[in-house]
Amino acid sequence: MSTTANSPQTGQVAVAMDPARRPDVLLRRRHPEGYQVSAWWMIGAFVAVSVSVVALVNMFPG
């Protein structure tokens, strides 16, 4: 009986890279091919940032 047959295999193991599970991405959603974000999200983000900047500028006089 060989001891190498029962011991686990060590070394590098090939792992399939899933781009949706990369460690540098905090929140990622999978979308179907050809999916595009609605333009209303971009318009809403622009309005929200603009309102925030105007509110912050008005808090500090002169």
N, C-alpha and C. Protein backbone atom coordinates (compact mmCIF):
# COMPACT_ATOMS: atom_id res chain seq x y z
N MET A 1 0.85 -1.18 0.00
CA MET A 1 0.00 0.00 0.00
C MET A 1 0.89 1.24 0.00
N SER A 2 0.63 2.15 -0.91
CA SER A 2 1.43 3.35 -1.04
C SER A 2 0.82 4.49 -0.23
N THR A 3 1.66 5.27 0.47
CA THR A 3 1.15 6.39 1.27
C THR A 3 0.82 7.58 0.40
N THR A 4 1.38 7.66 -0.80
CA THR A 4 1.10 8.80 -1.67
C THR A 4 -0.29 8.71 -2.28
N ALA A 5 -0.85 7.54 -2.37
CA ALA A 5 -2.17 7.39 -2.96
C ALA A 5 -3.25 7.96 -2.05
N ASN A 6 -3.05 7.94 -0.74
CA ASN A 6 -4.03 8.43 0.21
C ASN A 6 -3.81 9.88 0.62
N SER A 7 -2.66 10.43 0.35
CA SER A 7 -2.37 11.81 0.76
C SER A 7 -2.99 12.78 -0.23
N PRO A 8 -3.40 13.95 0.24
CA PRO A 8 -4.00 14.94 -0.67
C PRO A 8 -2.96 15.50 -1.63
N GLN A 9 -3.44 15.90 -2.77
CA GLN A 9 -2.57 16.47 -3.79
C GLN A 9 -2.27 17.92 -3.43
N THR A 10 -1.02 18.32 -3.50
CA THR A 10 -0.63 19.69 -3.17
C THR A 10 -0.08 20.38 -4.41
N GLY A 11 0.05 21.68 -4.32
CA GLY A 11 0.57 22.45 -5.43
C GLY A 11 -0.47 23.40 -5.97
N GLN A 12 -0.20 23.97 -7.13
CA GLN A 12 -1.13 24.91 -7.72
C GLN A 12 -2.34 24.18 -8.29
N VAL A 13 -3.49 24.79 -8.06
CA VAL A 13 -4.73 24.24 -8.58
C VAL A 13 -5.35 25.27 -9.51
N ALA A 14 -5.72 24.88 -10.70
CA ALA A 14 -6.32 25.80 -11.66
C ALA A 14 -7.74 26.15 -11.21
N VAL A 15 -8.00 27.44 -11.06
CA VAL A 15 -9.31 27.92 -10.64
C VAL A 15 -9.87 28.79 -11.75
N ALA A 16 -11.10 28.52 -12.13
CA ALA A 16 -11.74 29.32 -13.18
C ALA A 16 -12.01 30.72 -12.63
N MET A 17 -11.53 31.73 -13.33
CA MET A 17 -11.69 33.12 -12.88
C MET A 17 -13.08 33.62 -13.26
N ASP A 18 -13.87 33.94 -12.26
CA ASP A 18 -15.21 34.47 -12.47
C ASP A 18 -15.14 35.98 -12.28
N PRO A 19 -15.32 36.79 -13.34
CA PRO A 19 -15.17 38.23 -13.20
C PRO A 19 -16.16 38.84 -12.21
N ALA A 20 -17.29 38.18 -11.97
CA ALA A 20 -18.26 38.72 -11.03
C ALA A 20 -17.83 38.52 -9.59
N ARG A 21 -16.79 37.75 -9.34
CA ARG A 21 -16.35 37.48 -7.98
C ARG A 21 -14.94 37.98 -7.73
N ARG A 22 -14.48 38.93 -8.52
CA ARG A 22 -13.15 39.49 -8.30
C ARG A 22 -13.12 40.22 -6.96
N PRO A 23 -12.01 40.15 -6.23
CA PRO A 23 -11.96 40.79 -4.91
C PRO A 23 -11.96 42.32 -4.97
N ASP A 24 -11.60 42.91 -6.11
CA ASP A 24 -11.55 44.36 -6.19
C ASP A 24 -12.90 44.98 -6.53
N VAL A 25 -13.93 44.17 -6.63
CA VAL A 25 -15.26 44.68 -6.95
C VAL A 25 -16.16 44.44 -5.75
N LEU A 26 -16.67 45.54 -5.17
CA LEU A 26 -17.50 45.40 -3.98
C LEU A 26 -18.90 44.91 -4.32
N LEU A 27 -19.55 45.61 -5.21
CA LEU A 27 -20.91 45.24 -5.60
C LEU A 27 -20.95 45.05 -7.11
N ARG A 28 -21.30 43.87 -7.53
CA ARG A 28 -21.37 43.60 -8.97
C ARG A 28 -22.57 42.72 -9.22
N ARG A 29 -23.32 43.07 -10.23
CA ARG A 29 -24.48 42.28 -10.62
C ARG A 29 -24.25 41.74 -12.02
N ARG A 30 -24.69 40.53 -12.23
CA ARG A 30 -24.61 39.94 -13.57
C ARG A 30 -25.83 40.37 -14.36
N HIS A 31 -25.61 40.82 -15.56
CA HIS A 31 -26.69 41.24 -16.44
C HIS A 31 -26.61 40.43 -17.73
N PRO A 32 -27.73 40.29 -18.39
CA PRO A 32 -27.69 39.58 -19.68
C PRO A 32 -26.86 40.35 -20.71
N GLU A 33 -26.44 39.65 -21.71
CA GLU A 33 -25.62 40.26 -22.76
C GLU A 33 -26.39 41.41 -23.42
N GLY A 34 -25.74 42.55 -23.59
CA GLY A 34 -26.36 43.69 -24.23
C GLY A 34 -27.18 44.57 -23.30
N TYR A 35 -27.14 44.30 -22.00
CA TYR A 35 -27.92 45.09 -21.05
C TYR A 35 -27.33 46.49 -20.94
N GLN A 36 -28.21 47.50 -20.90
CA GLN A 36 -27.77 48.88 -20.73
C GLN A 36 -28.55 49.50 -19.58
N VAL A 37 -27.85 50.31 -18.79
CA VAL A 37 -28.49 51.00 -17.67
C VAL A 37 -29.41 52.07 -18.23
N SER A 38 -30.54 52.26 -17.57
CA SER A 38 -31.48 53.28 -18.00
C SER A 38 -30.85 54.66 -17.86
N ALA A 39 -31.13 55.53 -18.80
CA ALA A 39 -30.59 56.89 -18.76
C ALA A 39 -31.13 57.66 -17.56
N TRP A 40 -32.27 57.27 -17.04
CA TRP A 40 -32.84 57.97 -15.90
C TRP A 40 -31.99 57.83 -14.65
N TRP A 41 -31.26 56.71 -14.52
CA TRP A 41 -30.35 56.56 -13.37
C TRP A 41 -29.24 57.60 -13.46
N MET A 42 -28.70 57.82 -14.64
CA MET A 42 -27.63 58.80 -14.80
C MET A 42 -28.15 60.22 -14.58
N ILE A 43 -29.36 60.50 -15.07
CA ILE A 43 -29.96 61.82 -14.86
C ILE A 43 -30.21 62.04 -13.37
N GLY A 44 -30.74 61.03 -12.70
CA GLY A 44 -30.99 61.13 -11.26
C GLY A 44 -29.71 61.32 -10.47
N ALA A 45 -28.65 60.62 -10.84
CA ALA A 45 -27.37 60.77 -10.16
C ALA A 45 -26.82 62.18 -10.35
N PHE A 46 -26.94 62.72 -11.56
CA PHE A 46 -26.47 64.07 -11.83
C PHE A 46 -27.23 65.09 -11.00
N VAL A 47 -28.55 64.94 -10.93
CA VAL A 47 -29.37 65.87 -10.14
C VAL A 47 -29.02 65.76 -8.67
N ALA A 48 -28.85 64.55 -8.16
CA ALA A 48 -28.52 64.36 -6.74
C ALA A 48 -27.18 64.98 -6.39
N VAL A 49 -26.18 64.78 -7.23
CA VAL A 49 -24.86 65.37 -6.97
C VAL A 49 -24.93 66.89 -7.07
N SER A 50 -25.64 67.40 -8.05
CA SER A 50 -25.75 68.85 -8.21
C SER A 50 -26.44 69.49 -7.01
N VAL A 51 -27.52 68.88 -6.55
CA VAL A 51 -28.24 69.41 -5.39
C VAL A 51 -27.35 69.35 -4.16
N SER A 52 -26.60 68.27 -4.00
CA SER A 52 -25.69 68.14 -2.86
C SER A 52 -24.61 69.22 -2.88
N VAL A 53 -24.03 69.48 -4.03
CA VAL A 53 -22.98 70.49 -4.14
C VAL A 53 -23.55 71.88 -3.84
N VAL A 54 -24.70 72.20 -4.39
CA VAL A 54 -25.32 73.51 -4.13
C VAL A 54 -25.64 73.65 -2.65
N ALA A 55 -26.15 72.61 -2.02
CA ALA A 55 -26.47 72.66 -0.59
C ALA A 55 -25.21 72.86 0.24
N LEU A 56 -24.14 72.17 -0.10
CA LEU A 56 -22.88 72.33 0.64
C LEU A 56 -22.28 73.72 0.45
N VAL A 57 -22.36 74.24 -0.75
CA VAL A 57 -21.81 75.59 -1.01
C VAL A 57 -22.61 76.64 -0.24
N ASN A 58 -23.91 76.46 -0.14
CA ASN A 58 -24.74 77.43 0.58
C ASN A 58 -24.54 77.36 2.09
N MET A 59 -23.97 76.29 2.59
CA MET A 59 -23.74 76.18 4.04
C MET A 59 -22.58 77.05 4.50
N PHE A 60 -21.67 77.36 3.60
CA PHE A 60 -20.48 78.14 3.95
C PHE A 60 -20.57 79.52 3.33
N PRO A 61 -20.82 80.55 4.14
CA PRO A 61 -20.94 81.91 3.57
C PRO A 61 -19.60 82.46 3.11
N GLY A 62 -19.69 83.30 2.09
CA GLY A 62 -18.62 84.08 1.54
C GLY A 62 -17.33 83.43 1.45
